[in-house]
């Protein structure tokens, strides 16, 4: 099966901004998205923007995603509710729901990347 790895750390060495996207006024503080590098979003691993697709994570979770933002779809989000992704990441990192995910949380847990296995893609949003 085809696999691809996405980093939780940005190019500056910090926790990706999207991990804490919901921690703004009038948002669910668990909302999150994953920023993809150009090598990943320009590859054929993920389907085009506005398609649903299923992947399995390296910790054996199955997640439905869609690509979003900008014309190229350079981020991943959970289409039903962006808080699903944020809650998954917080649980995996041992961070309480609604709390900020920091670089120190990522380092403490000992993983800074998630490997996805392609399962299926289907339909439009």
PDB file of N, CA and C in Angstrom:
ATOM      1  N   UNK A   1       0.840  -1.193   0.000  1.00  0.00           N
ATOM      2  CA  UNK A   1       0.000   0.000   0.000  1.00  0.00           C
ATOM      3  C   UNK A   1       0.878   1.247   0.000  1.00  0.00           C
ATOM      4  N   UNK A   2       0.389   2.253  -0.640  1.00  0.00           N
ATOM      5  CA  UNK A   2       1.120   3.510  -0.745  1.00  0.00           C
ATOM      6  C   UNK A   2       1.024   4.294   0.567  1.00  0.00           C
ATOM      7  N   UNK A   3       2.165   4.878   1.001  1.00  0.00           N
ATOM      8  CA  UNK A   3       2.222   5.641   2.253  1.00  0.00           C
ATOM      9  C   UNK A   3       2.881   6.986   2.011  1.00  0.00           C
ATOM     10  N   UNK A   4       2.538   7.941   2.904  1.00  0.00           N
ATOM     11  CA  UNK A   4       3.168   9.262   2.856  1.00  0.00           C
ATOM     12  C   UNK A   4       3.246   9.797   4.284  1.00  0.00           C
ATOM     13  N   UNK A   5       4.260  10.603   4.562  1.00  0.00           N
ATOM     14  CA  UNK A   5       4.477  11.136   5.908  1.00  0.00           C
ATOM     15  C   UNK A   5       4.276  12.647   5.916  1.00  0.00           C
ATOM     16  N   UNK A   6       3.561  13.121   6.951  1.00  0.00           N
ATOM     17  CA  UNK A   6       3.279  14.546   7.124  1.00  0.00           C
ATOM     18  C   UNK A   6       3.852  14.974   8.479  1.00  0.00           C
ATOM     19  N   UNK A   7       4.587  16.079   8.484  1.00  0.00           N
ATOM     20  CA  UNK A   7       5.215  16.581   9.704  1.00  0.00           C
ATOM     21  C   UNK A   7       4.260  17.461  10.510  1.00  0.00           C
ATOM     22  N   UNK A   8       4.365  17.391  11.821  1.00  0.00           N
ATOM     23  CA  UNK A   8       3.628  18.287  12.719  1.00  0.00           C
ATOM     24  C   UNK A   8       4.442  19.541  13.016  1.00  0.00           C
ATOM     25  N   UNK A   9       5.671  19.560  12.555  1.00  0.00           N
ATOM     26  CA  UNK A   9       6.596  20.679  12.762  1.00  0.00           C
ATOM     27  C   UNK A   9       6.693  21.464  11.452  1.00  0.00           C
ATOM     28  N   UNK A  10       6.658  22.794  11.541  1.00  0.00           N
ATOM     29  CA  UNK A  10       6.751  23.616  10.330  1.00  0.00           C
ATOM     30  C   UNK A  10       8.208  23.828   9.923  1.00  0.00           C
ATOM     31  N   UNK A  11       8.412  24.535   8.832  1.00  0.00           N
ATOM     32  CA  UNK A  11       9.772  24.740   8.304  1.00  0.00           C
ATOM     33  C   UNK A  11      10.657  25.562   9.234  1.00  0.00           C
ATOM     34  N   UNK A  12      10.052  26.286  10.208  1.00  0.00           N
ATOM     35  CA  UNK A  12      10.828  27.055  11.183  1.00  0.00           C
ATOM     36  C   UNK A  12      11.151  26.262  12.438  1.00  0.00           C
ATOM     37  N   UNK A  13      10.688  25.004  12.494  1.00  0.00           N
ATOM     38  CA  UNK A  13      10.964  24.161  13.658  1.00  0.00           C
ATOM     39  C   UNK A  13       9.938  24.286  14.773  1.00  0.00           C
ATOM     40  N   UNK A  14       8.822  24.956  14.510  1.00  0.00           N
ATOM     41  CA  UNK A  14       7.756  25.120  15.503  1.00  0.00           C
ATOM     42  C   UNK A  14       6.599  24.171  15.208  1.00  0.00           C
ATOM     43  N   UNK A  15       5.682  24.042  16.167  1.00  0.00           N
ATOM     44  CA  UNK A  15       4.461  23.280  15.926  1.00  0.00           C
ATOM     45  C   UNK A  15       3.689  23.972  14.803  1.00  0.00           C
ATOM     46  N   UNK A  16       3.176  23.207  13.868  1.00  0.00           N
ATOM     47  CA  UNK A  16       2.398  23.784  12.778  1.00  0.00           C
ATOM     48  C   UNK A  16       1.291  24.681  13.316  1.00  0.00           C
ATOM     49  N   UNK A  17       1.088  25.815  12.701  1.00  0.00           N
ATOM     50  CA  UNK A  17       0.030  26.753  13.086  1.00  0.00           C
ATOM     51  C   UNK A  17      -1.343  26.074  13.076  1.00  0.00           C
ATOM     52  N   UNK A  18      -1.590  25.258  12.070  1.00  0.00           N
ATOM     53  CA  UNK A  18      -2.897  24.624  11.904  1.00  0.00           C
ATOM     54  C   UNK A  18      -3.305  23.685  13.020  1.00  0.00           C
ATOM     55  N   UNK A  19      -2.340  23.208  13.802  1.00  0.00           N
ATOM     56  CA  UNK A  19      -2.672  22.320  14.919  1.00  0.00           C
ATOM     57  C   UNK A  19      -3.531  23.033  15.953  1.00  0.00           C
ATOM     58  N   UNK A  20      -3.412  24.350  16.026  1.00  0.00           N
ATOM     59  CA  UNK A  20      -4.140  25.160  17.009  1.00  0.00           C
ATOM     60  C   UNK A  20      -5.071  26.162  16.337  1.00  0.00           C
ATOM     61  N   UNK A  21      -5.513  25.854  15.158  1.00  0.00           N
ATOM     62  CA  UNK A  21      -6.331  26.767  14.363  1.00  0.00           C
ATOM     63  C   UNK A  21      -7.584  27.230  15.094  1.00  0.00           C
ATOM     64  N   UNK A  22      -8.213  26.375  15.850  1.00  0.00           N
ATOM     65  CA  UNK A  22      -9.447  26.725  16.544  1.00  0.00           C
ATOM     66  C   UNK A  22      -9.267  27.574  17.788  1.00  0.00           C
ATOM     67  N   UNK A  23      -8.060  27.785  18.208  1.00  0.00           N
ATOM     68  CA  UNK A  23      -7.823  28.554  19.433  1.00  0.00           C
ATOM     69  C   UNK A  23      -7.871  30.051  19.147  1.00  0.00           C
ATOM     70  N   UNK A  24      -8.978  30.459  18.519  1.00  0.00           N
ATOM     71  CA  UNK A  24      -9.253  31.863  18.220  1.00  0.00           C
ATOM     72  C   UNK A  24     -10.680  32.149  18.650  1.00  0.00           C
ATOM     73  N   UNK A  25     -11.045  33.407  18.715  1.00  0.00           N
ATOM     74  CA  UNK A  25     -12.388  33.787  19.143  1.00  0.00           C
ATOM     75  C   UNK A  25     -13.465  33.072  18.342  1.00  0.00           C
ATOM     76  N   UNK A  26     -14.480  32.630  19.072  1.00  0.00           N
ATOM     77  CA  UNK A  26     -15.698  32.048  18.489  1.00  0.00           C
ATOM     78  C   UNK A  26     -15.437  30.794  17.656  1.00  0.00           C
ATOM     79  N   UNK A  27     -14.438  30.032  18.000  1.00  0.00           N
ATOM     80  CA  UNK A  27     -14.156  28.759  17.336  1.00  0.00           C
ATOM     81  C   UNK A  27     -14.089  27.660  18.393  1.00  0.00           C
ATOM     82  N   UNK A  28     -14.283  26.441  17.951  1.00  0.00           N
ATOM     83  CA  UNK A  28     -14.041  25.291  18.816  1.00  0.00           C
ATOM     84  C   UNK A  28     -12.524  25.202  18.989  1.00  0.00           C
ATOM     85  N   UNK A  29     -12.003  25.238  20.200  1.00  0.00           N
ATOM     86  CA  UNK A  29     -10.549  25.259  20.383  1.00  0.00           C
ATOM     87  C   UNK A  29      -9.842  23.994  19.908  1.00  0.00           C
ATOM     88  N   UNK A  30     -10.595  22.944  19.602  1.00  0.00           N
ATOM     89  CA  UNK A  30      -9.983  21.712  19.101  1.00  0.00           C
ATOM     90  C   UNK A  30      -9.821  21.689  17.591  1.00  0.00           C
ATOM     91  N   UNK A  31     -10.381  22.656  16.878  1.00  0.00           N
ATOM     92  CA  UNK A  31     -10.278  22.655  15.422  1.00  0.00           C
ATOM     93  C   UNK A  31      -8.816  22.686  14.987  1.00  0.00           C
ATOM     94  N   UNK A  32      -8.518  21.888  13.958  1.00  0.00           N
ATOM     95  CA  UNK A  32      -7.140  21.802  13.483  1.00  0.00           C
ATOM     96  C   UNK A  32      -7.130  21.434  12.005  1.00  0.00           C
ATOM     97  N   UNK A  33      -6.019  21.722  11.375  1.00  0.00           N
ATOM     98  CA  UNK A  33      -5.741  21.227  10.026  1.00  0.00           C
ATOM     99  C   UNK A  33      -4.258  20.905   9.961  1.00  0.00           C
ATOM    100  N   UNK A  34      -3.866  20.115   8.975  1.00  0.00           N
ATOM    101  CA  UNK A  34      -2.461  19.776   8.755  1.00  0.00           C
ATOM    102  C   UNK A  34      -1.978  20.437   7.482  1.00  0.00           C
ATOM    103  N   UNK A  35      -0.923  21.218   7.599  1.00  0.00           N
ATOM    104  CA  UNK A  35      -0.295  21.853   6.442  1.00  0.00           C
ATOM    105  C   UNK A  35       0.568  20.816   5.733  1.00  0.00           C
ATOM    106  N   UNK A  36       0.435  20.742   4.421  1.00  0.00           N
ATOM    107  CA  UNK A  36       1.232  19.818   3.624  1.00  0.00           C
ATOM    108  C   UNK A  36       2.384  20.559   2.964  1.00  0.00           C
ATOM    109  N   UNK A  37       3.503  19.894   2.834  1.00  0.00           N
ATOM    110  CA  UNK A  37       4.625  20.483   2.096  1.00  0.00           C
ATOM    111  C   UNK A  37       4.321  20.408   0.603  1.00  0.00           C
ATOM    112  N   UNK A  38       4.969  21.241  -0.208  1.00  0.00           N
ATOM    113  CA  UNK A  38       4.741  21.182  -1.660  1.00  0.00           C
ATOM    114  C   UNK A  38       4.984  19.785  -2.251  1.00  0.00           C
ATOM    115  N   UNK A  39       5.995  19.082  -1.745  1.00  0.00           N
ATOM    116  CA  UNK A  39       6.272  17.741  -2.256  1.00  0.00           C
ATOM    117  C   UNK A  39       5.073  16.818  -2.046  1.00  0.00           C
ATOM    118  N   UNK A  40       4.366  17.003  -0.935  1.00  0.00           N
ATOM    119  CA  UNK A  40       3.219  16.147  -0.620  1.00  0.00           C
ATOM    120  C   UNK A  40       1.987  16.599  -1.387  1.00  0.00           C
ATOM    121  N   UNK A  41       1.641  17.891  -1.335  1.00  0.00           N
ATOM    122  CA  UNK A  41       0.383  18.291  -1.977  1.00  0.00           C
ATOM    123  C   UNK A  41       0.470  18.285  -3.500  1.00  0.00           C
ATOM    124  N   UNK A  42       1.677  18.309  -4.049  1.00  0.00           N
ATOM    125  CA  UNK A  42       1.810  18.206  -5.509  1.00  0.00           C
ATOM    126  C   UNK A  42       1.918  16.754  -5.983  1.00  0.00           C
ATOM    127  N   UNK A  43       2.028  15.823  -5.040  1.00  0.00           N
ATOM    128  CA  UNK A  43       2.099  14.405  -5.404  1.00  0.00           C
ATOM    129  C   UNK A  43       0.694  13.901  -5.728  1.00  0.00           C
ATOM    130  N   UNK A  44       0.613  12.662  -6.162  1.00  0.00           N
ATOM    131  CA  UNK A  44      -0.692  12.086  -6.456  1.00  0.00           C
ATOM    132  C   UNK A  44      -1.230  11.237  -5.300  1.00  0.00           C
ATOM    133  N   UNK A  45      -0.634  11.351  -4.111  1.00  0.00           N
ATOM    134  CA  UNK A  45      -1.077  10.535  -2.979  1.00  0.00           C
ATOM    135  C   UNK A  45      -2.494  10.896  -2.550  1.00  0.00           C
ATOM    136  N   UNK A  46      -2.746  12.184  -2.329  1.00  0.00           N
ATOM    137  CA  UNK A  46      -4.072  12.630  -1.924  1.00  0.00           C
ATOM    138  C   UNK A  46      -4.857  13.061  -3.159  1.00  0.00           C
ATOM    139  N   UNK A  47      -6.161  12.788  -3.194  1.00  0.00           N
ATOM    140  CA  UNK A  47      -6.972  13.180  -4.346  1.00  0.00           C
ATOM    141  C   UNK A  47      -7.133  14.695  -4.431  1.00  0.00           C
ATOM    142  N   UNK A  48      -7.739  15.176  -5.520  1.00  0.00           N
ATOM    143  CA  UNK A  48      -7.921  16.622  -5.677  1.00  0.00           C
ATOM    144  C   UNK A  48      -8.769  17.241  -4.560  1.00  0.00           C
ATOM    145  N   UNK A  49      -8.631  18.546  -4.443  1.00  0.00           N
ATOM    146  CA  UNK A  49      -9.395  19.329  -3.476  1.00  0.00           C
ATOM    147  C   UNK A  49     -10.891  19.027  -3.613  1.00  0.00           C
ATOM    148  N   UNK A  50     -11.571  19.016  -2.488  1.00  0.00           N
ATOM    149  CA  UNK A  50     -13.019  18.807  -2.380  1.00  0.00           C
ATOM    150  C   UNK A  50     -13.468  17.362  -2.534  1.00  0.00           C
ATOM    151  N   UNK A  51     -12.554  16.425  -2.536  1.00  0.00           N
ATOM    152  CA  UNK A  51     -12.904  15.006  -2.523  1.00  0.00           C
ATOM    153  C   UNK A  51     -12.705  14.486  -1.113  1.00  0.00           C
ATOM    154  N   UNK A  52     -13.559  13.583  -0.708  1.00  0.00           N
ATOM    155  CA  UNK A  52     -13.345  12.872   0.562  1.00  0.00           C
ATOM    156  C   UNK A  52     -12.396  11.712   0.295  1.00  0.00           C
ATOM    157  N   UNK A  53     -11.580  11.374   1.282  1.00  0.00           N
ATOM    158  CA  UNK A  53     -10.741  10.191   1.158  1.00  0.00           C
ATOM    159  C   UNK A  53     -10.457   9.629   2.542  1.00  0.00           C
ATOM    160  N   UNK A  54     -10.162   8.345   2.553  1.00  0.00           N
ATOM    161  CA  UNK A  54      -9.923   7.634   3.810  1.00  0.00           C
ATOM    162  C   UNK A  54      -8.454   7.233   3.855  1.00  0.00           C
ATOM    163  N   UNK A  55      -7.833   7.481   5.000  1.00  0.00           N
ATOM    164  CA  UNK A  55      -6.466   7.036   5.240  1.00  0.00           C
ATOM    165  C   UNK A  55      -6.413   6.330   6.592  1.00  0.00           C
ATOM    166  N   UNK A  56      -5.392   5.520   6.748  1.00  0.00           N
ATOM    167  CA  UNK A  56      -5.106   4.895   8.040  1.00  0.00           C
ATOM    168  C   UNK A  56      -3.816   5.515   8.543  1.00  0.00           C
ATOM    169  N   UNK A  57      -3.785   5.872   9.824  1.00  0.00           N
ATOM    170  CA  UNK A  57      -2.595   6.474  10.421  1.00  0.00           C
ATOM    171  C   UNK A  57      -1.644   5.390  10.910  1.00  0.00           C
ATOM    172  N   UNK A  58      -0.430   5.791  11.233  1.00  0.00           N
ATOM    173  CA  UNK A  58       0.558   4.838  11.718  1.00  0.00           C
ATOM    174  C   UNK A  58       0.248   4.304  13.110  1.00  0.00           C
ATOM    175  N   UNK A  59      -0.755   4.890  13.794  1.00  0.00           N
ATOM    176  CA  UNK A  59      -1.215   4.322  15.069  1.00  0.00           C
ATOM    177  C   UNK A  59      -2.557   3.600  14.879  1.00  0.00           C
ATOM    178  N   UNK A  60      -2.836   3.225  13.632  1.00  0.00           N
ATOM    179  CA  UNK A  60      -3.964   2.368  13.271  1.00  0.00           C
ATOM    180  C   UNK A  60      -5.341   3.020  13.422  1.00  0.00           C
ATOM    181  N   UNK A  61      -5.420   4.328  13.259  1.00  0.00           N
ATOM    182  CA  UNK A  61      -6.708   5.036  13.251  1.00  0.00           C
ATOM    183  C   UNK A  61      -7.111   5.267  11.801  1.00  0.00           C
ATOM    184  N   UNK A  62      -8.394   5.187  11.534  1.00  0.00           N
ATOM    185  CA  UNK A  62      -8.925   5.468  10.213  1.00  0.00           C
ATOM    186  C   UNK A  62      -9.599   6.830  10.255  1.00  0.00           C
ATOM    187  N   UNK A  63      -9.215   7.720   9.332  1.00  0.00           N
ATOM    188  CA  UNK A  63      -9.721   9.092   9.332  1.00  0.00           C
ATOM    189  C   UNK A  63     -10.189   9.461   7.930  1.00  0.00           C
ATOM    190  N   UNK A  64     -11.325  10.146   7.856  1.00  0.00           N
ATOM    191  CA  UNK A  64     -11.801  10.707   6.591  1.00  0.00           C
ATOM    192  C   UNK A  64     -11.305  12.146   6.519  1.00  0.00           C
ATOM    193  N   UNK A  65     -10.634  12.468   5.427  1.00  0.00           N
ATOM    194  CA  UNK A  65     -10.095  13.806   5.212  1.00  0.00           C
ATOM    195  C   UNK A  65     -10.629  14.394   3.915  1.00  0.00           C
ATOM    196  N   UNK A  66     -10.358  15.676   3.744  1.00  0.00           N
ATOM    197  CA  UNK A  66     -10.472  16.363   2.474  1.00  0.00           C
ATOM    198  C   UNK A  66      -9.320  17.360   2.417  1.00  0.00           C
ATOM    199  N   UNK A  67      -8.939  17.740   1.204  1.00  0.00           N
ATOM    200  CA  UNK A  67      -7.929  18.788   1.050  1.00  0.00           C
ATOM    201  C   UNK A  67      -8.641  20.124   1.007  1.00  0.00           C
ATOM    202  N   UNK A  68      -7.999  21.139   1.516  1.00  0.00           N
ATOM    203  CA  UNK A  68      -8.628  22.456   1.585  1.00  0.00           C
ATOM    204  C   UNK A  68      -7.575  23.543   1.416  1.00  0.00           C
ATOM    205  N   UNK A  69      -8.038  24.767   1.437  1.00  0.00           N
ATOM    206  CA  UNK A  69      -7.247  25.997   1.382  1.00  0.00           C
ATOM    207  C   UNK A  69      -6.477  26.157   0.079  1.00  0.00           C
ATOM    208  N   UNK A  70      -6.457  27.367  -0.358  1.00  0.00           N
ATOM    209  CA  UNK A  70      -5.757  27.777  -1.570  1.00  0.00           C
ATOM    210  C   UNK A  70      -6.155  26.886  -2.747  1.00  0.00           C
ATOM    211  N   UNK A  71      -5.777  27.281  -3.911  1.00  0.00           N
ATOM    212  CA  UNK A  71      -6.140  26.543  -5.115  1.00  0.00           C
ATOM    213  C   UNK A  71      -5.595  25.134  -5.174  1.00  0.00           C
ATOM    214  N   UNK A  72      -4.453  24.907  -4.530  1.00  0.00           N
ATOM    215  CA  UNK A  72      -3.797  23.607  -4.627  1.00  0.00           C
ATOM    216  C   UNK A  72      -4.256  22.607  -3.574  1.00  0.00           C
ATOM    217  N   UNK A  73      -5.043  23.047  -2.607  1.00  0.00           N
ATOM    218  CA  UNK A  73      -5.454  22.130  -1.549  1.00  0.00           C
ATOM    219  C   UNK A  73      -4.275  21.699  -0.701  1.00  0.00           C
ATOM    220  N   UNK A  74      -3.573  22.675  -0.143  1.00  0.00           N
ATOM    221  CA  UNK A  74      -2.314  22.399   0.546  1.00  0.00           C
ATOM    222  C   UNK A  74      -2.473  22.031   2.025  1.00  0.00           C
ATOM    223  N   UNK A  75      -3.715  21.799   2.463  1.00  0.00           N
ATOM    224  CA  UNK A  75      -3.931  21.357   3.840  1.00  0.00           C
ATOM    225  C   UNK A  75      -4.889  20.172   3.866  1.00  0.00           C
ATOM    226  N   UNK A  76      -4.849  19.437   4.981  1.00  0.00           N
ATOM    227  CA  UNK A  76      -5.801  18.360   5.237  1.00  0.00           C
ATOM    228  C   UNK A  76      -6.699  18.770   6.384  1.00  0.00           C
ATOM    229  N   UNK A  77      -7.982  18.481   6.244  1.00  0.00           N
ATOM    230  CA  UNK A  77      -8.912  18.725   7.344  1.00  0.00           C
ATOM    231  C   UNK A  77      -9.950  17.616   7.366  1.00  0.00           C
ATOM    232  N   UNK A  78     -10.605  17.457   8.492  1.00  0.00           N
ATOM    233  CA  UNK A  78     -11.686  16.487   8.614  1.00  0.00           C
ATOM    234  C   UNK A  78     -12.969  17.194   8.214  1.00  0.00           C
ATOM    235  N   UNK A  79     -13.627  16.739   7.142  1.00  0.00           N
ATOM    236  CA  UNK A  79     -14.717  17.509   6.542  1.00  0.00           C
ATOM    237  C   UNK A  79     -15.970  17.652   7.401  1.00  0.00           C
ATOM    238  N   UNK A  80     -16.296  16.666   8.182  1.00  0.00           N
ATOM    239  CA  UNK A  80     -17.509  16.765   8.990  1.00  0.00           C
ATOM    240  C   UNK A  80     -17.357  17.835  10.064  1.00  0.00           C
ATOM    241  N   UNK A  81     -16.167  17.904  10.662  1.00  0.00           N
ATOM    242  CA  UNK A  81     -15.901  18.849  11.740  1.00  0.00           C
ATOM    243  C   UNK A  81     -14.389  18.886  11.944  1.00  0.00           C
ATOM    244  N   UNK A  82     -13.779  20.061  11.809  1.00  0.00           N
ATOM    245  CA  UNK A  82     -12.331  20.177  11.975  1.00  0.00           C
ATOM    246  C   UNK A  82     -11.855  19.821  13.377  1.00  0.00           C
ATOM    247  N   UNK A  83     -12.751  19.805  14.338  1.00  0.00           N
ATOM    248  CA  UNK A  83     -12.367  19.426  15.694  1.00  0.00           C
ATOM    249  C   UNK A  83     -12.036  17.936  15.784  1.00  0.00           C
ATOM    250  N   UNK A  84     -12.539  17.114  14.867  1.00  0.00           N
ATOM    251  CA  UNK A  84     -12.205  15.681  14.894  1.00  0.00           C
ATOM    252  C   UNK A  84     -10.702  15.479  14.772  1.00  0.00           C
ATOM    253  N   UNK A  85     -10.089  16.189  13.838  1.00  0.00           N
ATOM    254  CA  UNK A  85      -8.640  16.084  13.678  1.00  0.00           C
ATOM    255  C   UNK A  85      -7.927  16.604  14.918  1.00  0.00           C
ATOM    256  N   UNK A  86      -8.351  17.752  15.422  1.00  0.00           N
ATOM    257  CA  UNK A  86      -7.709  18.331  16.602  1.00  0.00           C
ATOM    258  C   UNK A  86      -7.810  17.432  17.821  1.00  0.00           C
ATOM    259  N   UNK A  87      -8.956  16.805  18.020  1.00  0.00           N
ATOM    260  CA  UNK A  87      -9.122  15.889  19.157  1.00  0.00           C
ATOM    261  C   UNK A  87      -8.242  14.651  18.998  1.00  0.00           C
ATOM    262  N   UNK A  88      -8.155  14.128  17.771  1.00  0.00           N
ATOM    263  CA  UNK A  88      -7.270  12.986  17.512  1.00  0.00           C
ATOM    264  C   UNK A  88      -5.820  13.349  17.854  1.00  0.00           C
ATOM    265  N   UNK A  89      -5.356  14.502  17.357  1.00  0.00           N
ATOM    266  CA  UNK A  89      -3.970  14.912  17.606  1.00  0.00           C
ATOM    267  C   UNK A  89      -3.711  15.139  19.091  1.00  0.00           C
ATOM    268  N   UNK A  90      -4.640  15.783  19.774  1.00  0.00           N
ATOM    269  CA  UNK A  90      -4.460  16.031  21.205  1.00  0.00           C
ATOM    270  C   UNK A  90      -4.404  14.723  21.990  1.00  0.00           C
ATOM    271  N   UNK A  91      -5.283  13.799  21.649  1.00  0.00           N
ATOM    272  CA  UNK A  91      -5.260  12.496  22.328  1.00  0.00           C
ATOM    273  C   UNK A  91      -3.935  11.785  22.077  1.00  0.00           C
ATOM    274  N   UNK A  92      -3.498  11.785  20.841  1.00  0.00           N
ATOM    275  CA  UNK A  92      -2.248  11.104  20.484  1.00  0.00           C
ATOM    276  C   UNK A  92      -1.043  11.715  21.200  1.00  0.00           C
ATOM    277  N   UNK A  93      -1.066  13.034  21.366  1.00  0.00           N
ATOM    278  CA  UNK A  93       0.051  13.738  22.008  1.00  0.00           C
ATOM    279  C   UNK A  93      -0.086  13.837  23.523  1.00  0.00           C
ATOM    280  N   UNK A  94      -1.203  13.402  24.070  1.00  0.00           N
ATOM    281  CA  UNK A  94      -1.410  13.506  25.520  1.00  0.00           C
ATOM    282  C   UNK A  94      -1.712  14.923  25.967  1.00  0.00           C
ATOM    283  N   UNK A  95      -2.323  15.714  25.092  1.00  0.00           N
ATOM    284  CA  UNK A  95      -2.705  17.093  25.396  1.00  0.00           C
ATOM    285  C   UNK A  95      -4.207  17.117  25.667  1.00  0.00           C
ATOM    286  N   UNK A  96      -4.619  17.792  26.711  1.00  0.00           N
ATOM    287  CA  UNK A  96      -6.036  17.855  27.073  1.00  0.00           C
ATOM    288  C   UNK A  96      -6.848  18.524  25.967  1.00  0.00           C
ATOM    289  N   UNK A  97      -8.098  18.082  25.761  1.00  0.00           N
ATOM    290  CA  UNK A  97      -8.956  18.735  24.767  1.00  0.00           C
ATOM    291  C   UNK A  97      -9.011  20.245  25.000  1.00  0.00           C
ATOM    292  N   UNK A  98      -8.905  20.990  23.902  1.00  0.00           N
ATOM    293  CA  UNK A  98      -8.980  22.443  23.968  1.00  0.00           C
ATOM    294  C   UNK A  98      -7.679  23.143  24.293  1.00  0.00           C
ATOM    295  N   UNK A  99      -6.688  22.393  24.761  1.00  0.00           N
ATOM    296  CA  UNK A  99      -5.399  23.006  25.113  1.00  0.00           C
ATOM    297  C   UNK A  99      -4.523  23.187  23.871  1.00  0.00           C
ATOM    298  N   UNK A 100      -3.625  24.144  23.940  1.00  0.00           N
ATOM    299  CA  UNK A 100      -2.705  24.409  22.844  1.00  0.00           C
ATOM    300  C   UNK A 100      -1.713  23.262  22.689  1.00  0.00           C
ATOM    301  N   UNK A 101      -1.431  22.889  21.444  1.00  0.00           N
ATOM    302  CA  UNK A 101      -0.384  21.915  21.151  1.00  0.00           C
ATOM    303  C   UNK A 101       0.901  22.698  20.902  1.00  0.00           C
ATOM    304  N   UNK A 102       1.933  22.404  21.656  1.00  0.00           N
ATOM    305  CA  UNK A 102       3.204  23.113  21.527  1.00  0.00           C
ATOM    306  C   UNK A 102       4.280  22.192  20.950  1.00  0.00           C
ATOM    307  N   UNK A 103       5.368  22.791  20.550  1.00  0.00           N
ATOM    308  CA  UNK A 103       6.519  22.027  20.080  1.00  0.00           C
ATOM    309  C   UNK A 103       7.011  21.100  21.195  1.00  0.00           C
ATOM    310  N   UNK A 104       6.939  21.559  22.430  1.00  0.00           N
ATOM    311  CA  UNK A 104       7.376  20.752  23.561  1.00  0.00           C
ATOM    312  C   UNK A 104       6.482  19.514  23.727  1.00  0.00           C
ATOM    313  N   UNK A 105       5.176  19.660  23.477  1.00  0.00           N
ATOM    314  CA  UNK A 105       4.274  18.498  23.529  1.00  0.00           C
ATOM    315  C   UNK A 105       4.691  17.462  22.493  1.00  0.00           C
ATOM    316  N   UNK A 106       4.991  17.931  21.299  1.00  0.00           N
ATOM    317  CA  UNK A 106       5.394  17.033  20.213  1.00  0.00           C
ATOM    318  C   UNK A 106       6.707  16.347  20.568  1.00  0.00           C
ATOM    319  N   UNK A 107       7.674  17.097  21.071  1.00  0.00           N
ATOM    320  CA  UNK A 107       8.966  16.529  21.460  1.00  0.00           C
ATOM    321  C   UNK A 107       8.817  15.550  22.617  1.00  0.00           C
ATOM    322  N   UNK A 108       7.986  15.879  23.605  1.00  0.00           N
ATOM    323  CA  UNK A 108       7.773  15.018  24.771  1.00  0.00           C
ATOM    324  C   UNK A 108       7.192  13.664  24.344  1.00  0.00           C
ATOM    325  N   UNK A 109       6.277  13.699  23.411  1.00  0.00           N
ATOM    326  CA  UNK A 109       5.656  12.459  22.959  1.00  0.00           C
ATOM    327  C   UNK A 109       6.622  11.627  22.129  1.00  0.00           C
ATOM    328  N   UNK A 110       7.548  12.279  21.441  1.00  0.00           N
ATOM    329  CA  UNK A 110       8.564  11.552  20.695  1.00  0.00           C
ATOM    330  C   UNK A 110       8.223  11.269  19.248  1.00  0.00           C
ATOM    331  N   UNK A 111       7.196  11.885  18.719  1.00  0.00           N
ATOM    332  CA  UNK A 111       6.935  11.752  17.291  1.00  0.00           C
ATOM    333  C   UNK A 111       6.595  13.123  16.753  1.00  0.00           C
ATOM    334  N   UNK A 112       7.087  13.415  15.580  1.00  0.00           N
ATOM    335  CA  UNK A 112       6.797  14.710  14.972  1.00  0.00           C
ATOM    336  C   UNK A 112       6.175  14.554  13.589  1.00  0.00           C
ATOM    337  N   UNK A 113       5.899  13.306  13.222  1.00  0.00           N
ATOM    338  CA  UNK A 113       5.325  13.034  11.909  1.00  0.00           C
ATOM    339  C   UNK A 113       4.238  11.975  12.034  1.00  0.00           C
ATOM    340  N   UNK A 114       3.321  12.018  11.083  1.00  0.00           N
ATOM    341  CA  UNK A 114       2.287  10.988  10.982  1.00  0.00           C
ATOM    342  C   UNK A 114       2.425  10.366   9.603  1.00  0.00           C
ATOM    343  N   UNK A 115       2.453   9.051   9.556  1.00  0.00           N
ATOM    344  CA  UNK A 115       2.479   8.350   8.281  1.00  0.00           C
ATOM    345  C   UNK A 115       1.066   7.878   7.967  1.00  0.00           C
ATOM    346  N   UNK A 116       0.618   8.218   6.769  1.00  0.00           N
ATOM    347  CA  UNK A 116      -0.715   7.839   6.306  1.00  0.00           C
ATOM    348  C   UNK A 116      -0.597   6.752   5.253  1.00  0.00           C
ATOM    349  N   UNK A 117      -1.497   5.779   5.326  1.00  0.00           N
ATOM    350  CA  UNK A 117      -1.630   4.757   4.302  1.00  0.00           C
ATOM    351  C   UNK A 117      -2.903   5.026   3.541  1.00  0.00           C
ATOM    352  N   UNK A 118      -2.797   5.082   2.232  1.00  0.00           N
ATOM    353  CA  UNK A 118      -3.955   5.347   1.381  1.00  0.00           C
ATOM    354  C   UNK A 118      -4.898   4.147   1.421  1.00  0.00           C
ATOM    355  N   UNK A 119      -6.175   4.441   1.643  1.00  0.00           N
ATOM    356  CA  UNK A 119      -7.181   3.377   1.622  1.00  0.00           C
ATOM    357  C   UNK A 119      -8.121   3.579   0.443  1.00  0.00           C
ATOM    358  N   UNK A 120      -8.788   4.743   0.399  1.00  0.00           N
ATOM    359  CA  UNK A 120      -9.816   4.954  -0.624  1.00  0.00           C
ATOM    360  C   UNK A 120     -10.110   6.441  -0.737  1.00  0.00           C
ATOM    361  N   UNK A 121     -10.536   6.870  -1.905  1.00  0.00           N
ATOM    362  CA  UNK A 121     -11.068   8.219  -2.035  1.00  0.00           C
ATOM    363  C   UNK A 121     -12.326   8.165  -2.850  1.00  0.00           C
ATOM    364  N   UNK A 122     -13.221   9.109  -2.563  1.00  0.00           N
ATOM    365  CA  UNK A 122     -14.559   9.042  -3.133  1.00  0.00           C
ATOM    366  C   UNK A 122     -15.240  10.395  -3.072  1.00  0.00           C
ATOM    367  N   UNK A 123     -16.239  10.615  -3.921  1.00  0.00           N
ATOM    368  CA  UNK A 123     -17.178  11.728  -3.872  1.00  0.00           C
ATOM    369  C   UNK A 123     -16.652  13.120  -3.647  1.00  0.00           C
ATOM    370  N   UNK A 124     -17.530  14.064  -3.915  1.00  0.00           N
ATOM    371  CA  UNK A 124     -17.249  15.481  -3.666  1.00  0.00           C
ATOM    372  C   UNK A 124     -17.924  15.910  -2.376  1.00  0.00           C
ATOM    373  N   UNK A 125     -17.428  16.993  -1.822  1.00  0.00           N
ATOM    374  CA  UNK A 125     -18.036  17.575  -0.632  1.00  0.00           C
ATOM    375  C   UNK A 125     -19.379  18.143  -1.004  1.00  0.00           C
TER     376      UNK A 125
END
